[in-house]
Amino acid sequence: MNEKQSEEMKTLKAEKNKLREEELVLKAEKAKIEQQVKSGCMSG
């Protein structure tokens, strides 16, 4: 593997990790909202 390919691989891995982190954040937000909706419906 040459230098350029190696750099591209690093970049792709970094972007993939970033996407995975964002996905986890979104899932956590969604879970939080679902909890709020559930507790809101029950108290209402």
PDB file of N, CA and C in Angstrom:
ATOM      1  N   MET A   1       0.858  -1.202   0.000  1.00  0.00           N
ATOM      2  CA  MET A   1       0.000   0.000   0.000  1.00  0.00           C
ATOM      3  C   MET A   1       0.891   1.248   0.000  1.00  0.00           C
ATOM      4  N   ASN A   2       0.571   2.199  -0.887  1.00  0.00           N
ATOM      5  CA  ASN A   2       1.399   3.398  -0.939  1.00  0.00           C
ATOM      6  C   ASN A   2       0.907   4.479   0.034  1.00  0.00           C
ATOM      7  N   GLU A   3       1.665   5.554   0.087  1.00  0.00           N
ATOM      8  CA  GLU A   3       1.379   6.639   1.047  1.00  0.00           C
ATOM      9  C   GLU A   3      -0.024   7.201   0.901  1.00  0.00           C
ATOM     10  N   LYS A   4      -0.420   7.466  -0.352  1.00  0.00           N
ATOM     11  CA  LYS A   4      -1.731   8.088  -0.605  1.00  0.00           C
ATOM     12  C   LYS A   4      -2.869   7.173  -0.145  1.00  0.00           C
ATOM     13  N   GLN A   5      -2.786   5.917  -0.485  1.00  0.00           N
ATOM     14  CA  GLN A   5      -3.815   4.959  -0.068  1.00  0.00           C
ATOM     15  C   GLN A   5      -3.897   4.880   1.449  1.00  0.00           C
ATOM     16  N   SER A   6      -2.741   4.884   2.080  1.00  0.00           N
ATOM     17  CA  SER A   6      -2.682   4.806   3.537  1.00  0.00           C
ATOM     18  C   SER A   6      -3.393   6.006   4.162  1.00  0.00           C
ATOM     19  N   GLU A   7      -3.155   7.184   3.614  1.00  0.00           N
ATOM     20  CA  GLU A   7      -3.816   8.393   4.119  1.00  0.00           C
ATOM     21  C   GLU A   7      -5.325   8.316   3.932  1.00  0.00           C
ATOM     22  N   GLU A   8      -5.745   7.835   2.756  1.00  0.00           N
ATOM     23  CA  GLU A   8      -7.177   7.715   2.475  1.00  0.00           C
ATOM     24  C   GLU A   8      -7.846   6.736   3.438  1.00  0.00           C
ATOM     25  N   MET A   9      -7.150   5.644   3.753  1.00  0.00           N
ATOM     26  CA  MET A   9      -7.690   4.665   4.689  1.00  0.00           C
ATOM     27  C   MET A   9      -7.885   5.305   6.058  1.00  0.00           C
ATOM     28  N   LYS A  10      -6.896   6.082   6.509  1.00  0.00           N
ATOM     29  CA  LYS A  10      -6.995   6.760   7.801  1.00  0.00           C
ATOM     30  C   LYS A  10      -8.191   7.695   7.826  1.00  0.00           C
ATOM     31  N   THR A  11      -8.358   8.433   6.741  1.00  0.00           N
ATOM     32  CA  THR A  11      -9.465   9.386   6.656  1.00  0.00           C
ATOM     33  C   THR A  11     -10.804   8.665   6.705  1.00  0.00           C
ATOM     34  N   LEU A  12     -10.919   7.587   5.947  1.00  0.00           N
ATOM     35  CA  LEU A  12     -12.166   6.825   5.931  1.00  0.00           C
ATOM     36  C   LEU A  12     -12.487   6.253   7.302  1.00  0.00           C
ATOM     37  N   LYS A  13     -11.480   5.720   7.979  1.00  0.00           N
ATOM     38  CA  LYS A  13     -11.693   5.158   9.311  1.00  0.00           C
ATOM     39  C   LYS A  13     -12.146   6.230  10.280  1.00  0.00           C
ATOM     40  N   ALA A  14     -11.529   7.398  10.198  1.00  0.00           N
ATOM     41  CA  ALA A  14     -11.895   8.503  11.087  1.00  0.00           C
ATOM     42  C   ALA A  14     -13.339   8.919  10.845  1.00  0.00           C
ATOM     43  N   GLU A  15     -13.727   9.018   9.570  1.00  0.00           N
ATOM     44  CA  GLU A  15     -15.106   9.410   9.237  1.00  0.00           C
ATOM     45  C   GLU A  15     -16.094   8.356   9.717  1.00  0.00           C
ATOM     46  N   LYS A  16     -15.726   7.086   9.576  1.00  0.00           N
ATOM     47  CA  LYS A  16     -16.587   5.997  10.007  1.00  0.00           C
ATOM     48  C   LYS A  16     -16.796   6.058  11.522  1.00  0.00           C
ATOM     49  N   ASN A  17     -15.718   6.312  12.252  1.00  0.00           N
ATOM     50  CA  ASN A  17     -15.816   6.428  13.707  1.00  0.00           C
ATOM     51  C   ASN A  17     -16.700   7.596  14.107  1.00  0.00           C
ATOM     52  N   LYS A  18     -16.563   8.713  13.376  1.00  0.00           N
ATOM     53  CA  LYS A  18     -17.366   9.894  13.670  1.00  0.00           C
ATOM     54  C   LYS A  18     -18.841   9.591  13.456  1.00  0.00           C
ATOM     55  N   LEU A  19     -19.148   8.917  12.358  1.00  0.00           N
ATOM     56  CA  LEU A  19     -20.534   8.556  12.059  1.00  0.00           C
ATOM     57  C   LEU A  19     -21.102   7.641  13.134  1.00  0.00           C
ATOM     58  N   ARG A  20     -20.281   6.697  13.598  1.00  0.00           N
ATOM     59  CA  ARG A  20     -20.740   5.766  14.624  1.00  0.00           C
ATOM     60  C   ARG A  20     -21.061   6.526  15.919  1.00  0.00           C
ATOM     61  N   GLU A  21     -20.207   7.491  16.263  1.00  0.00           N
ATOM     62  CA  GLU A  21     -20.448   8.295  17.462  1.00  0.00           C
ATOM     63  C   GLU A  21     -21.737   9.094  17.323  1.00  0.00           C
ATOM     64  N   GLU A  22     -21.929   9.702  16.150  1.00  0.00           N
ATOM     65  CA  GLU A  22     -23.141  10.491  15.923  1.00  0.00           C
ATOM     66  C   GLU A  22     -24.378   9.614  16.000  1.00  0.00           C
ATOM     67  N   GLU A  23     -24.270   8.402  15.489  1.00  0.00           N
ATOM     68  CA  GLU A  23     -25.388   7.462  15.519  1.00  0.00           C
ATOM     69  C   GLU A  23     -25.752   7.114  16.964  1.00  0.00           C
ATOM     70  N   LEU A  24     -24.721   6.918  17.796  1.00  0.00           N
ATOM     71  CA  LEU A  24     -24.968   6.604  19.208  1.00  0.00           C
ATOM     72  C   LEU A  24     -25.641   7.779  19.906  1.00  0.00           C
ATOM     73  N   VAL A  25     -25.197   8.981  19.588  1.00  0.00           N
ATOM     74  CA  VAL A  25     -25.804  10.176  20.186  1.00  0.00           C
ATOM     75  C   VAL A  25     -27.269  10.266  19.782  1.00  0.00           C
ATOM     76  N   LEU A  26     -27.554  10.038  18.507  1.00  0.00           N
ATOM     77  CA  LEU A  26     -28.932  10.101  18.020  1.00  0.00           C
ATOM     78  C   LEU A  26     -29.805   9.046  18.693  1.00  0.00           C
ATOM     79  N   LYS A  27     -29.259   7.838  18.851  1.00  0.00           N
ATOM     80  CA  LYS A  27     -30.018   6.769  19.507  1.00  0.00           C
ATOM     81  C   LYS A  27     -30.329   7.148  20.949  1.00  0.00           C
ATOM     82  N   ALA A  28     -29.365   7.751  21.631  1.00  0.00           N
ATOM     83  CA  ALA A  28     -29.565   8.167  23.015  1.00  0.00           C
ATOM     84  C   ALA A  28     -30.633   9.254  23.086  1.00  0.00           C
ATOM     85  N   GLU A  29     -30.574  10.212  22.166  1.00  0.00           N
ATOM     86  CA  GLU A  29     -31.578  11.279  22.120  1.00  0.00           C
ATOM     87  C   GLU A  29     -32.968  10.695  21.892  1.00  0.00           C
ATOM     88  N   LYS A  30     -33.049   9.775  20.952  1.00  0.00           N
ATOM     89  CA  LYS A  30     -34.325   9.153  20.617  1.00  0.00           C
ATOM     90  C   LYS A  30     -34.902   8.411  21.822  1.00  0.00           C
ATOM     91  N   ALA A  31     -34.045   7.674  22.522  1.00  0.00           N
ATOM     92  CA  ALA A  31     -34.481   6.933  23.707  1.00  0.00           C
ATOM     93  C   ALA A  31     -34.992   7.894  24.774  1.00  0.00           C
ATOM     94  N   LYS A  32     -34.294   9.020  24.926  1.00  0.00           N
ATOM     95  CA  LYS A  32     -34.682  10.011  25.923  1.00  0.00           C
ATOM     96  C   LYS A  32     -36.053  10.590  25.577  1.00  0.00           C
ATOM     97  N   ILE A  33     -36.257  10.901  24.324  1.00  0.00           N
ATOM     98  CA  ILE A  33     -37.538  11.459  23.875  1.00  0.00           C
ATOM     99  C   ILE A  33     -38.654  10.441  24.063  1.00  0.00           C
ATOM    100  N   GLU A  34     -38.373   9.182  23.721  1.00  0.00           N
ATOM    101  CA  GLU A  34     -39.382   8.133  23.883  1.00  0.00           C
ATOM    102  C   GLU A  34     -39.771   7.983  25.357  1.00  0.00           C
ATOM    103  N   GLN A  35     -38.795   8.086  26.252  1.00  0.00           N
ATOM    104  CA  GLN A  35     -39.082   8.007  27.684  1.00  0.00           C
ATOM    105  C   GLN A  35     -39.982   9.171  28.101  1.00  0.00           C
ATOM    106  N   GLN A  36     -39.675  10.357  27.611  1.00  0.00           N
ATOM    107  CA  GLN A  36     -40.459  11.547  27.935  1.00  0.00           C
ATOM    108  C   GLN A  36     -41.895  11.392  27.431  1.00  0.00           C
ATOM    109  N   VAL A  37     -42.029  10.861  26.231  1.00  0.00           N
ATOM    110  CA  VAL A  37     -43.360  10.658  25.647  1.00  0.00           C
ATOM    111  C   VAL A  37     -44.143   9.652  26.489  1.00  0.00           C
ATOM    112  N   LYS A  38     -43.497   8.543  26.841  1.00  0.00           N
ATOM    113  CA  LYS A  38     -44.146   7.523  27.650  1.00  0.00           C
ATOM    114  C   LYS A  38     -44.599   8.079  29.005  1.00  0.00           C
ATOM    115  N   SER A  39     -43.693   8.748  29.699  1.00  0.00           N
ATOM    116  CA  SER A  39     -44.036   9.278  31.015  1.00  0.00           C
ATOM    117  C   SER A  39     -45.058  10.406  30.886  1.00  0.00           C
ATOM    118  N   GLY A  40     -44.995  11.138  29.789  1.00  0.00           N
ATOM    119  CA  GLY A  40     -45.965  12.212  29.557  1.00  0.00           C
ATOM    120  C   GLY A  40     -47.353  11.660  29.329  1.00  0.00           C
ATOM    121  N   CYS A  41     -47.453  10.580  28.558  1.00  0.00           N
ATOM    122  CA  CYS A  41     -48.752   9.954  28.288  1.00  0.00           C
ATOM    123  C   CYS A  41     -49.351   9.371  29.552  1.00  0.00           C
ATOM    124  N   MET A  42     -48.511   8.786  30.391  1.00  0.00           N
ATOM    125  CA  MET A  42     -49.031   8.146  31.599  1.00  0.00           C
ATOM    126  C   MET A  42     -49.515   9.175  32.627  1.00  0.00           C
ATOM    127  N   SER A  43     -48.812  10.279  32.723  1.00  0.00           N
ATOM    128  CA  SER A  43     -49.219  11.294  33.709  1.00  0.00           C
ATOM    129  C   SER A  43     -50.429  12.079  33.199  1.00  0.00           C
ATOM    130  N   GLY A  44     -50.593  12.120  31.885  1.00  0.00           N
ATOM    131  CA  GLY A  44     -51.707  12.852  31.306  1.00  0.00           C
ATOM    132  C   GLY A  44     -52.941  12.012  31.402  1.00  0.00           C
TER     133      GLY A  44
END
